[in-house]
Amino acid sequence: ASADFEFSVYQGQELLGGEQVNFSQVLDDGKPVVLNFWAGNCPPCRAEMPALQRVWDAHQEEIMFVGLDVGTFTGLGDKQSAIALLQELNVTYPAGGPPNRTPLVNYSVRSMPTTVFFGADGQVFQRWDGAISEFQMNNIVSAMLAEASEQPVPSG
């Protein structure tokens, strides 16, 4: 199983199942998951977020997104600046922030933003260090969905 961590949910509580969520619960839903590490004062994060939003708009029935604000632990802003950026860019995909550095350590995040893609089986499918384009993200999401449709998803 992928390394777990907890986080507070800024938005998307109804999709993630509460105000405080363990990432393992998100992976257990049997959908591919896009985990994006970002921050409120991170220009490349800001630059890629509209592309992430468009991919979310297109695929939100089939995949889950978690935008994880790690500004507090990277010197790139705080919860207030993160929430302000979500509102400014009209980002609607689920987002939140962890109470400590655990997810940064678990996933060896060295550049911001970083995106980790998890297949429907909960295993890391691919990771992308730095800003990702809409084209690249669509390619990875399409590959994850194709793989997910090939294997029976456990019901639970």
N, C-alpha and C. Protein backbone atom coordinates (compact mmCIF):
# COMPACT_ATOMS: atom_id res chain seq x y z
N ALA A 1 0.85 -1.20 0.00
CA ALA A 1 0.00 0.00 0.00
C ALA A 1 0.88 1.24 0.00
N SER A 2 0.37 2.31 -0.56
CA SER A 2 1.12 3.55 -0.60
C SER A 2 1.15 4.18 0.80
N ALA A 3 2.19 4.97 1.02
CA ALA A 3 2.39 5.56 2.35
C ALA A 3 1.23 6.48 2.72
N ASP A 4 0.68 6.29 3.91
CA ASP A 4 -0.51 7.02 4.33
C ASP A 4 -0.13 8.33 5.02
N PHE A 5 -1.05 9.26 5.04
CA PHE A 5 -0.93 10.50 5.81
C PHE A 5 -2.33 11.04 6.01
N GLU A 6 -2.47 11.92 6.99
CA GLU A 6 -3.77 12.55 7.20
C GLU A 6 -3.71 13.99 6.72
N PHE A 7 -4.88 14.55 6.43
CA PHE A 7 -4.93 15.95 6.05
C PHE A 7 -6.29 16.53 6.39
N SER A 8 -6.30 17.86 6.58
CA SER A 8 -7.54 18.61 6.78
C SER A 8 -8.07 19.01 5.41
N VAL A 9 -9.38 18.91 5.24
CA VAL A 9 -9.99 19.19 3.95
C VAL A 9 -10.42 20.66 3.90
N TYR A 10 -9.93 21.40 2.89
CA TYR A 10 -10.35 22.78 2.68
C TYR A 10 -11.65 22.83 1.87
N GLN A 11 -11.75 21.97 0.89
CA GLN A 11 -12.95 21.91 0.04
C GLN A 11 -13.07 20.50 -0.52
N GLY A 12 -14.32 20.11 -0.82
CA GLY A 12 -14.57 18.76 -1.32
C GLY A 12 -14.86 17.76 -0.21
N GLN A 13 -15.30 18.28 0.95
CA GLN A 13 -15.61 17.40 2.09
C GLN A 13 -16.59 16.29 1.70
N GLU A 14 -17.57 16.64 0.87
CA GLU A 14 -18.61 15.66 0.52
C GLU A 14 -18.02 14.55 -0.36
N LEU A 15 -16.99 14.87 -1.15
CA LEU A 15 -16.36 13.85 -2.00
C LEU A 15 -15.35 13.02 -1.22
N LEU A 16 -14.66 13.66 -0.28
CA LEU A 16 -13.60 12.97 0.46
C LEU A 16 -14.12 12.29 1.73
N GLY A 17 -15.32 12.69 2.17
CA GLY A 17 -15.91 12.00 3.31
C GLY A 17 -15.57 12.60 4.66
N GLY A 18 -15.38 13.92 4.71
CA GLY A 18 -15.20 14.54 6.02
C GLY A 18 -14.24 15.71 6.02
N GLU A 19 -14.00 16.23 7.23
CA GLU A 19 -13.11 17.39 7.43
C GLU A 19 -11.67 16.95 7.64
N GLN A 20 -11.49 15.75 8.18
CA GLN A 20 -10.17 15.17 8.42
C GLN A 20 -10.16 13.81 7.75
N VAL A 21 -9.22 13.60 6.84
CA VAL A 21 -9.24 12.38 6.03
C VAL A 21 -7.86 11.75 6.01
N ASN A 22 -7.82 10.42 6.00
CA ASN A 22 -6.57 9.71 5.73
C ASN A 22 -6.51 9.43 4.24
N PHE A 23 -5.32 9.64 3.66
CA PHE A 23 -5.18 9.44 2.22
C PHE A 23 -5.49 7.99 1.82
N SER A 24 -5.20 7.05 2.71
CA SER A 24 -5.49 5.64 2.41
C SER A 24 -6.98 5.42 2.13
N GLN A 25 -7.85 6.20 2.81
CA GLN A 25 -9.29 6.08 2.57
C GLN A 25 -9.63 6.51 1.14
N VAL A 26 -8.94 7.55 0.66
CA VAL A 26 -9.18 8.04 -0.70
C VAL A 26 -8.78 6.97 -1.71
N LEU A 27 -7.62 6.34 -1.47
CA LEU A 27 -7.14 5.30 -2.39
C LEU A 27 -8.04 4.07 -2.37
N ASP A 28 -8.67 3.81 -1.23
CA ASP A 28 -9.49 2.61 -1.08
C ASP A 28 -10.79 2.66 -1.87
N ASP A 29 -11.11 3.83 -2.44
CA ASP A 29 -12.38 3.97 -3.17
C ASP A 29 -12.38 3.23 -4.51
N GLY A 30 -11.21 2.78 -4.96
CA GLY A 30 -11.17 2.01 -6.19
C GLY A 30 -11.14 2.83 -7.47
N LYS A 31 -10.91 4.15 -7.32
CA LYS A 31 -10.75 5.01 -8.50
C LYS A 31 -9.28 5.42 -8.60
N PRO A 32 -8.80 5.71 -9.81
CA PRO A 32 -7.49 6.35 -9.90
C PRO A 32 -7.51 7.69 -9.15
N VAL A 33 -6.37 8.04 -8.56
CA VAL A 33 -6.27 9.27 -7.76
C VAL A 33 -5.11 10.11 -8.26
N VAL A 34 -5.35 11.41 -8.38
CA VAL A 34 -4.31 12.38 -8.71
C VAL A 34 -4.01 13.17 -7.44
N LEU A 35 -2.78 13.05 -6.93
CA LEU A 35 -2.35 13.77 -5.74
C LEU A 35 -1.38 14.86 -6.18
N ASN A 36 -1.80 16.11 -6.03
CA ASN A 36 -1.01 17.25 -6.48
C ASN A 36 -0.51 18.04 -5.28
N PHE A 37 0.82 18.13 -5.14
CA PHE A 37 1.43 18.95 -4.08
C PHE A 37 1.58 20.37 -4.61
N TRP A 38 1.01 21.34 -3.87
CA TRP A 38 1.02 22.72 -4.34
C TRP A 38 1.08 23.65 -3.13
N ALA A 39 1.10 24.95 -3.40
CA ALA A 39 1.12 25.94 -2.33
C ALA A 39 0.60 27.27 -2.85
N GLY A 40 0.19 28.13 -1.92
CA GLY A 40 -0.44 29.39 -2.28
C GLY A 40 0.47 30.40 -2.94
N ASN A 41 1.77 30.38 -2.56
CA ASN A 41 2.72 31.34 -3.13
C ASN A 41 3.75 30.60 -3.98
N CYS A 42 3.25 29.87 -4.96
CA CYS A 42 4.10 29.03 -5.81
C CYS A 42 3.70 29.30 -7.26
N PRO A 43 4.45 30.18 -7.97
CA PRO A 43 4.05 30.55 -9.33
C PRO A 43 3.82 29.38 -10.28
N PRO A 44 4.70 28.34 -10.31
CA PRO A 44 4.41 27.23 -11.21
C PRO A 44 3.17 26.43 -10.81
N CYS A 45 2.86 26.42 -9.51
CA CYS A 45 1.62 25.76 -9.06
C CYS A 45 0.42 26.51 -9.62
N ARG A 46 0.45 27.82 -9.45
CA ARG A 46 -0.63 28.68 -9.96
C ARG A 46 -0.79 28.47 -11.47
N ALA A 47 0.34 28.36 -12.18
CA ALA A 47 0.30 28.24 -13.64
C ALA A 47 -0.38 26.95 -14.09
N GLU A 48 -0.19 25.85 -13.34
CA GLU A 48 -0.74 24.57 -13.79
C GLU A 48 -2.16 24.32 -13.29
N MET A 49 -2.61 25.06 -12.29
CA MET A 49 -3.90 24.73 -11.66
C MET A 49 -5.10 24.82 -12.62
N PRO A 50 -5.15 25.79 -13.54
CA PRO A 50 -6.28 25.78 -14.48
C PRO A 50 -6.32 24.51 -15.34
N ALA A 51 -5.15 23.96 -15.69
CA ALA A 51 -5.11 22.71 -16.45
C ALA A 51 -5.63 21.56 -15.60
N LEU A 52 -5.22 21.52 -14.34
CA LEU A 52 -5.72 20.48 -13.43
C LEU A 52 -7.24 20.57 -13.32
N GLN A 53 -7.74 21.80 -13.20
CA GLN A 53 -9.18 21.99 -13.08
C GLN A 53 -9.91 21.47 -14.32
N ARG A 54 -9.35 21.72 -15.51
CA ARG A 54 -10.01 21.26 -16.74
C ARG A 54 -10.02 19.73 -16.81
N VAL A 55 -8.94 19.10 -16.38
CA VAL A 55 -8.90 17.63 -16.37
C VAL A 55 -9.91 17.10 -15.35
N TRP A 56 -9.99 17.75 -14.19
CA TRP A 56 -10.99 17.38 -13.18
C TRP A 56 -12.40 17.51 -13.74
N ASP A 57 -12.68 18.64 -14.42
CA ASP A 57 -14.01 18.85 -14.99
C ASP A 57 -14.38 17.72 -15.94
N ALA A 58 -13.40 17.25 -16.70
CA ALA A 58 -13.67 16.23 -17.72
C ALA A 58 -13.83 14.83 -17.13
N HIS A 59 -13.16 14.56 -16.00
CA HIS A 59 -13.05 13.18 -15.52
C HIS A 59 -13.51 12.97 -14.09
N GLN A 60 -14.21 13.94 -13.50
CA GLN A 60 -14.48 13.83 -12.06
C GLN A 60 -15.38 12.66 -11.68
N GLU A 61 -16.10 12.09 -12.65
CA GLU A 61 -16.90 10.90 -12.32
C GLU A 61 -16.03 9.65 -12.19
N GLU A 62 -14.86 9.68 -12.84
CA GLU A 62 -14.04 8.46 -12.96
C GLU A 62 -12.81 8.47 -12.08
N ILE A 63 -12.35 9.64 -11.67
CA ILE A 63 -11.12 9.72 -10.89
C ILE A 63 -11.34 10.62 -9.68
N MET A 64 -10.37 10.60 -8.77
CA MET A 64 -10.39 11.51 -7.62
C MET A 64 -9.15 12.39 -7.67
N PHE A 65 -9.32 13.63 -7.29
CA PHE A 65 -8.21 14.57 -7.17
C PHE A 65 -8.05 14.93 -5.70
N VAL A 66 -6.80 15.11 -5.28
CA VAL A 66 -6.51 15.76 -4.00
C VAL A 66 -5.40 16.77 -4.24
N GLY A 67 -5.73 18.05 -4.08
CA GLY A 67 -4.72 19.10 -4.12
C GLY A 67 -4.22 19.31 -2.70
N LEU A 68 -2.96 18.97 -2.45
CA LEU A 68 -2.42 19.01 -1.09
C LEU A 68 -1.54 20.23 -0.91
N ASP A 69 -2.02 21.18 -0.12
CA ASP A 69 -1.30 22.43 0.15
C ASP A 69 -0.20 22.18 1.17
N VAL A 70 1.05 22.29 0.73
CA VAL A 70 2.19 22.09 1.64
C VAL A 70 3.01 23.38 1.79
N GLY A 71 2.34 24.52 1.56
CA GLY A 71 3.02 25.81 1.65
C GLY A 71 3.69 26.04 2.98
N THR A 72 3.01 25.66 4.06
CA THR A 72 3.54 25.87 5.41
C THR A 72 4.89 25.18 5.59
N PHE A 73 5.09 24.06 4.89
CA PHE A 73 6.30 23.25 5.09
C PHE A 73 7.35 23.47 4.01
N THR A 74 7.03 24.32 3.02
CA THR A 74 7.97 24.58 1.93
C THR A 74 8.33 26.06 1.84
N GLY A 75 7.79 26.88 2.76
CA GLY A 75 8.05 28.31 2.72
C GLY A 75 7.34 29.01 1.58
N LEU A 76 6.28 28.39 1.07
CA LEU A 76 5.57 28.93 -0.10
C LEU A 76 4.14 29.32 0.23
N GLY A 77 3.95 29.88 1.43
CA GLY A 77 2.61 30.35 1.76
C GLY A 77 2.02 29.61 2.94
N ASP A 78 0.76 29.92 3.24
CA ASP A 78 0.07 29.31 4.37
C ASP A 78 -1.34 28.93 3.92
N LYS A 79 -2.13 28.44 4.85
CA LYS A 79 -3.49 28.00 4.50
C LYS A 79 -4.30 29.15 3.90
N GLN A 80 -4.14 30.36 4.44
CA GLN A 80 -4.92 31.50 3.94
C GLN A 80 -4.59 31.79 2.48
N SER A 81 -3.29 31.82 2.15
CA SER A 81 -2.91 32.11 0.76
C SER A 81 -3.35 30.98 -0.16
N ALA A 82 -3.35 29.76 0.35
CA ALA A 82 -3.78 28.61 -0.46
C ALA A 82 -5.26 28.71 -0.79
N ILE A 83 -6.08 28.98 0.23
CA ILE A 83 -7.52 29.08 0.01
C ILE A 83 -7.85 30.26 -0.90
N ALA A 84 -7.10 31.36 -0.73
CA ALA A 84 -7.31 32.52 -1.60
C ALA A 84 -7.03 32.17 -3.06
N LEU A 85 -5.99 31.35 -3.30
CA LEU A 85 -5.66 30.96 -4.67
C LEU A 85 -6.73 30.05 -5.26
N LEU A 86 -7.23 29.11 -4.46
CA LEU A 86 -8.32 28.24 -4.94
C LEU A 86 -9.51 29.08 -5.38
N GLN A 87 -9.84 30.09 -4.58
CA GLN A 87 -11.00 30.93 -4.89
C GLN A 87 -10.74 31.80 -6.11
N GLU A 88 -9.52 32.36 -6.18
CA GLU A 88 -9.19 33.24 -7.30
C GLU A 88 -9.27 32.50 -8.64
N LEU A 89 -8.80 31.25 -8.65
CA LEU A 89 -8.75 30.48 -9.90
C LEU A 89 -10.01 29.62 -10.11
N ASN A 90 -10.99 29.76 -9.20
CA ASN A 90 -12.23 28.97 -9.29
C ASN A 90 -11.96 27.47 -9.35
N VAL A 91 -11.01 27.03 -8.53
CA VAL A 91 -10.68 25.61 -8.46
C VAL A 91 -11.74 24.91 -7.60
N THR A 92 -12.31 23.83 -8.12
CA THR A 92 -13.37 23.12 -7.40
C THR A 92 -12.98 21.71 -6.98
N TYR A 93 -11.84 21.19 -7.48
CA TYR A 93 -11.47 19.82 -7.07
C TYR A 93 -11.09 19.80 -5.59
N PRO A 94 -11.20 18.63 -4.95
CA PRO A 94 -10.93 18.55 -3.52
C PRO A 94 -9.50 18.99 -3.18
N ALA A 95 -9.38 19.72 -2.08
CA ALA A 95 -8.07 20.21 -1.66
C ALA A 95 -8.02 20.27 -0.14
N GLY A 96 -6.81 20.22 0.37
CA GLY A 96 -6.62 20.28 1.81
C GLY A 96 -5.16 20.45 2.14
N GLY A 97 -4.84 20.29 3.41
CA GLY A 97 -3.46 20.44 3.83
C GLY A 97 -3.14 19.52 4.99
N PRO A 98 -1.91 18.98 5.03
CA PRO A 98 -1.51 18.08 6.11
C PRO A 98 -1.04 18.86 7.34
N PRO A 99 -1.03 18.21 8.53
CA PRO A 99 -0.58 18.88 9.75
C PRO A 99 0.93 18.87 9.91
N ASN A 100 1.63 18.12 9.07
CA ASN A 100 3.08 17.98 9.21
C ASN A 100 3.68 17.61 7.86
N ARG A 101 5.00 17.36 7.86
CA ARG A 101 5.73 17.12 6.61
C ARG A 101 5.59 15.70 6.07
N THR A 102 4.86 14.84 6.77
CA THR A 102 4.84 13.41 6.43
C THR A 102 4.64 13.13 4.94
N PRO A 103 3.63 13.73 4.28
CA PRO A 103 3.46 13.39 2.86
C PRO A 103 4.63 13.83 1.99
N LEU A 104 5.28 14.94 2.34
CA LEU A 104 6.45 15.40 1.58
C LEU A 104 7.57 14.38 1.67
N VAL A 105 7.74 13.80 2.87
CA VAL A 105 8.77 12.79 3.08
C VAL A 105 8.38 11.48 2.39
N ASN A 106 7.12 11.07 2.60
CA ASN A 106 6.64 9.80 2.04
C ASN A 106 6.83 9.73 0.53
N TYR A 107 6.59 10.84 -0.14
CA TYR A 107 6.63 10.85 -1.60
C TYR A 107 7.83 11.61 -2.15
N SER A 108 8.83 11.84 -1.29
CA SER A 108 10.11 12.44 -1.72
C SER A 108 9.90 13.65 -2.62
N VAL A 109 9.06 14.58 -2.14
CA VAL A 109 8.76 15.78 -2.94
C VAL A 109 9.93 16.75 -2.85
N ARG A 110 10.57 17.01 -3.99
CA ARG A 110 11.74 17.89 -4.02
C ARG A 110 11.51 19.13 -4.87
N SER A 111 10.47 19.12 -5.69
CA SER A 111 10.16 20.31 -6.48
C SER A 111 8.68 20.60 -6.34
N MET A 112 8.35 21.85 -6.51
CA MET A 112 6.95 22.27 -6.39
C MET A 112 6.51 22.92 -7.69
N PRO A 113 5.39 22.49 -8.25
CA PRO A 113 4.54 21.41 -7.74
C PRO A 113 5.09 20.03 -8.09
N THR A 114 4.54 19.01 -7.46
CA THR A 114 4.78 17.61 -7.82
C THR A 114 3.42 16.92 -7.86
N THR A 115 3.22 16.05 -8.84
CA THR A 115 1.96 15.32 -8.95
C THR A 115 2.25 13.83 -8.96
N VAL A 116 1.55 13.09 -8.09
CA VAL A 116 1.70 11.64 -8.03
C VAL A 116 0.36 11.03 -8.46
N PHE A 117 0.42 10.13 -9.41
CA PHE A 117 -0.77 9.47 -9.96
C PHE A 117 -0.85 8.05 -9.41
N PHE A 118 -2.02 7.69 -8.89
CA PHE A 118 -2.24 6.35 -8.33
C PHE A 118 -3.29 5.64 -9.17
N GLY A 119 -3.00 4.40 -9.56
CA GLY A 119 -3.97 3.61 -10.31
C GLY A 119 -5.13 3.21 -9.43
N ALA A 120 -6.13 2.59 -10.05
CA ALA A 120 -7.32 2.14 -9.31
C ALA A 120 -6.96 1.12 -8.24
N ASP A 121 -5.80 0.48 -8.39
CA ASP A 121 -5.34 -0.50 -7.40
C ASP A 121 -4.66 0.16 -6.20
N GLY A 122 -4.55 1.50 -6.21
CA GLY A 122 -3.94 2.21 -5.10
C GLY A 122 -2.43 2.30 -5.15
N GLN A 123 -1.83 1.74 -6.19
CA GLN A 123 -0.37 1.79 -6.34
C GLN A 123 0.03 3.00 -7.17
N VAL A 124 1.26 3.50 -6.93
CA VAL A 124 1.76 4.63 -7.71
C VAL A 124 1.87 4.20 -9.18
N PHE A 125 1.22 4.97 -10.03
CA PHE A 125 1.19 4.70 -11.47
C PHE A 125 2.29 5.50 -12.17
N GLN A 126 2.41 6.77 -11.77
CA GLN A 126 3.43 7.65 -12.35
C GLN A 126 3.56 8.86 -11.44
N ARG A 127 4.72 9.53 -11.52
CA ARG A 127 4.84 10.81 -10.82
C ARG A 127 5.42 11.82 -11.79
N TRP A 128 5.12 13.09 -11.51
CA TRP A 128 5.58 14.18 -12.37
C TRP A 128 6.14 15.26 -11.45
N ASP A 129 7.43 15.55 -11.62
CA ASP A 129 8.07 16.60 -10.82
C ASP A 129 8.04 17.90 -11.60
N GLY A 130 7.52 18.96 -10.98
CA GLY A 130 7.37 20.24 -11.65
C GLY A 130 5.99 20.38 -12.27
N ALA A 131 5.74 21.54 -12.87
CA ALA A 131 4.42 21.81 -13.44
C ALA A 131 4.14 20.86 -14.59
N ILE A 132 2.89 20.44 -14.68
CA ILE A 132 2.46 19.51 -15.73
C ILE A 132 1.48 20.22 -16.66
N SER A 133 1.56 19.89 -17.95
CA SER A 133 0.63 20.50 -18.90
C SER A 133 -0.67 19.70 -18.94
N GLU A 134 -1.70 20.34 -19.46
CA GLU A 134 -2.99 19.65 -19.60
C GLU A 134 -2.85 18.43 -20.50
N PHE A 135 -2.05 18.55 -21.56
CA PHE A 135 -1.83 17.45 -22.50
C PHE A 135 -1.18 16.26 -21.79
N GLN A 136 -0.12 16.54 -21.04
CA GLN A 136 0.58 15.46 -20.34
C GLN A 136 -0.33 14.80 -19.30
N MET A 137 -1.07 15.63 -18.59
CA MET A 137 -1.94 15.10 -17.56
C MET A 137 -3.05 14.24 -18.17
N ASN A 138 -3.63 14.69 -19.26
CA ASN A 138 -4.67 13.90 -19.93
C ASN A 138 -4.14 12.55 -20.40
N ASN A 139 -2.89 12.54 -20.89
CA ASN A 139 -2.28 11.28 -21.33
C ASN A 139 -2.18 10.30 -20.18
N ILE A 140 -1.71 10.78 -19.02
CA ILE A 140 -1.53 9.89 -17.87
C ILE A 140 -2.88 9.42 -17.35
N VAL A 141 -3.84 10.34 -17.24
CA VAL A 141 -5.17 9.98 -16.75
C VAL A 141 -5.82 8.96 -17.69
N SER A 142 -5.69 9.17 -19.00
CA SER A 142 -6.26 8.22 -19.96
C SER A 142 -5.63 6.84 -19.81
N ALA A 143 -4.33 6.80 -19.60
CA ALA A 143 -3.63 5.52 -19.41
C ALA A 143 -4.11 4.84 -18.13
N MET A 144 -4.30 5.62 -17.07
CA MET A 144 -4.79 5.04 -15.80
C MET A 144 -6.19 4.48 -15.96
N LEU A 145 -7.04 5.22 -16.66
CA LEU A 145 -8.42 4.76 -16.84
C LEU A 145 -8.48 3.53 -17.73
N ALA A 146 -7.61 3.46 -18.74
CA ALA A 146 -7.57 2.28 -19.60
C ALA A 146 -7.16 1.05 -18.80
N GLU A 147 -6.16 1.23 -17.94
CA GLU A 147 -5.69 0.12 -17.10
C GLU A 147 -6.78 -0.29 -16.11
N ALA A 148 -7.46 0.70 -15.55
CA ALA A 148 -8.50 0.41 -14.55
C ALA A 148 -9.64 -0.39 -15.17
N SER A 149 -9.94 -0.13 -16.44
CA SER A 149 -11.07 -0.82 -17.07
C SER A 149 -10.71 -2.27 -17.41
N GLU A 150 -9.41 -2.59 -17.41
CA GLU A 150 -8.97 -3.94 -17.76
C GLU A 150 -9.06 -4.90 -16.58
N GLN A 151 -9.03 -4.36 -15.36
CA GLN A 151 -9.02 -5.24 -14.20
C GLN A 151 -10.30 -5.08 -13.39
N PRO A 152 -10.79 -6.18 -12.82
CA PRO A 152 -11.98 -6.07 -11.97
C PRO A 152 -11.67 -5.24 -10.74
N VAL A 153 -12.53 -4.29 -10.44
CA VAL A 153 -12.35 -3.45 -9.26
C VAL A 153 -12.99 -4.15 -8.06
N PRO A 154 -12.24 -4.33 -6.97
CA PRO A 154 -12.84 -5.00 -5.81
C PRO A 154 -14.01 -4.20 -5.26
N SER A 155 -15.09 -4.89 -4.98
CA SER A 155 -16.24 -4.21 -4.38
C SER A 155 -16.12 -4.33 -2.88
N GLY A 156 -16.43 -3.23 -2.18
CA GLY A 156 -16.27 -3.28 -0.73
C GLY A 156 -16.99 -2.16 -0.07
